[in-house]
Protein backbone atom coordinates (compact mmCIF):
# COMPACT_ATOMS: atom_id res chain seq x y z
CA UNK A 1 13.98 11.09 5.09
CA UNK A 2 12.57 9.80 1.81
CA UNK A 3 12.09 6.21 0.72
CA UNK A 4 12.88 5.38 -2.92
CA UNK A 5 11.73 1.86 -3.87
CA UNK A 6 13.78 -0.29 -6.22
CA UNK A 7 12.65 -2.49 -9.12
CA UNK A 8 8.93 -3.27 -9.11
CA UNK A 9 8.39 -2.18 -5.50
CA UNK A 10 5.82 0.41 -4.39
CA UNK A 11 5.69 2.36 -1.09
CA UNK A 12 2.13 2.73 0.22
CA UNK A 13 0.47 4.24 3.29
CA UNK A 14 -2.64 2.50 4.63
CA UNK A 15 -5.87 4.47 4.84
CA UNK A 16 -7.46 4.75 8.27
CA UNK A 17 -9.68 1.86 9.40
CA UNK A 18 -13.40 2.43 9.77
CA UNK A 19 -14.34 3.67 13.25
CA UNK A 20 -18.01 2.66 13.02
CA UNK A 21 -20.05 -0.02 11.30
CA UNK A 22 -22.80 0.77 8.78
CA UNK A 23 -25.35 0.33 11.55
CA UNK A 24 -23.56 2.94 13.70
CA UNK A 25 -21.71 0.73 16.20
CA UNK A 26 -18.37 2.16 17.31
CA UNK A 27 -15.49 -0.30 16.96
CA UNK A 28 -12.64 -0.67 19.46
CA UNK A 29 -9.08 -0.73 18.14
CA UNK A 30 -8.91 -4.51 18.68
CA UNK A 31 -12.06 -5.13 16.63
CA UNK A 32 -10.98 -3.05 13.64
CA UNK A 33 -9.84 -5.02 10.62
CA UNK A 34 -6.60 -3.87 9.03
CA UNK A 35 -7.54 -1.82 5.95
CA UNK A 36 -6.56 -3.14 2.53
CA UNK A 37 -6.82 0.28 0.90
CA UNK A 38 -3.81 2.59 0.67
CA UNK A 39 -2.35 5.66 -1.00
CA UNK A 40 0.76 5.22 -3.18
CA UNK A 41 3.64 7.32 -1.82
CA UNK A 42 6.48 6.30 -4.19
CA UNK A 43 6.96 3.94 -7.14
CA UNK A 44 10.09 2.09 -8.26
CA UNK A 45 11.43 2.38 -11.81
CA UNK A 46 10.31 -1.06 -12.99
CA UNK A 47 12.53 -2.32 -15.80
CA UNK A 48 14.10 -5.78 -15.92
CA UNK A 49 13.16 -7.55 -12.67
CA UNK A 50 14.00 -11.25 -12.20
CA UNK A 51 14.49 -11.64 -15.97
CA UNK A 52 11.10 -10.11 -16.87
CA UNK A 53 10.40 -6.65 -18.24
CA UNK A 54 8.13 -4.82 -15.76
CA UNK A 55 6.12 -1.70 -16.64
CA UNK A 56 4.81 0.23 -13.63
CA UNK A 57 1.05 0.84 -13.80
CA UNK A 58 0.62 2.85 -10.58
CA UNK A 59 1.84 6.34 -9.74
CA UNK A 60 2.26 8.40 -6.59
CA UNK A 61 -1.12 9.60 -5.30
CA UNK A 62 -3.13 6.63 -6.60
CA UNK A 63 -5.55 4.99 -4.17
CA UNK A 64 -5.11 1.21 -4.37
CA UNK A 65 -6.36 -2.07 -2.92
CA UNK A 66 -3.60 -4.52 -1.98
CA UNK A 67 -3.38 -8.18 -0.91
CA UNK A 68 -4.11 -8.82 2.75
CA UNK A 69 -0.76 -10.36 3.75
CA UNK A 70 1.46 -8.53 1.26
CA UNK A 71 4.54 -6.44 1.79
CA UNK A 72 6.91 -5.35 4.50
CA UNK A 73 5.91 -2.80 7.14
CA UNK A 74 8.45 -0.07 7.88
CA UNK A 75 8.44 3.02 10.07
CA UNK A 76 10.00 6.16 8.56
CA UNK A 77 10.06 9.41 10.55
CA UNK A 78 7.29 8.06 12.81
CA UNK A 79 5.06 7.24 9.85
CA UNK A 80 4.01 3.63 9.20
CA UNK A 81 4.51 2.65 5.55
CA UNK A 82 4.45 -0.60 3.59
CA UNK A 83 6.69 -1.70 0.73
CA UNK A 84 4.90 -4.09 -1.65
CA UNK A 85 5.55 -5.49 -5.11
CA UNK A 86 3.37 -4.07 -7.87
CA UNK A 87 1.94 -7.60 -8.34
CA UNK A 88 0.55 -7.42 -4.76
CA UNK A 89 -1.60 -4.44 -5.77
CA UNK A 90 -4.98 -5.76 -6.88
CA UNK A 91 -6.72 -2.61 -8.16
CA UNK A 92 -6.59 1.16 -8.51
CA UNK A 93 -9.61 2.91 -6.97
CA UNK A 94 -10.92 5.82 -9.06
């Protein structure tokens, strides 16, 4: 199954959380912070959204940083994805 976002929405997949700290301590699953970095899976067409013309600035394959409490989590074919608005994406990591 594929997910095709509408309007200014973007489908992203979170990167894995860090397993160890910089000092080498191994973190348990409860102590790991939810990552705010993700890979873009699919991008909506943009266009006229809520009366404003939206140009999409991200593309599939981009690594991005998104807002902490943004988006809607969905599970597609056993894979956890998030659907966020382009405005919830803070930066593209190069």
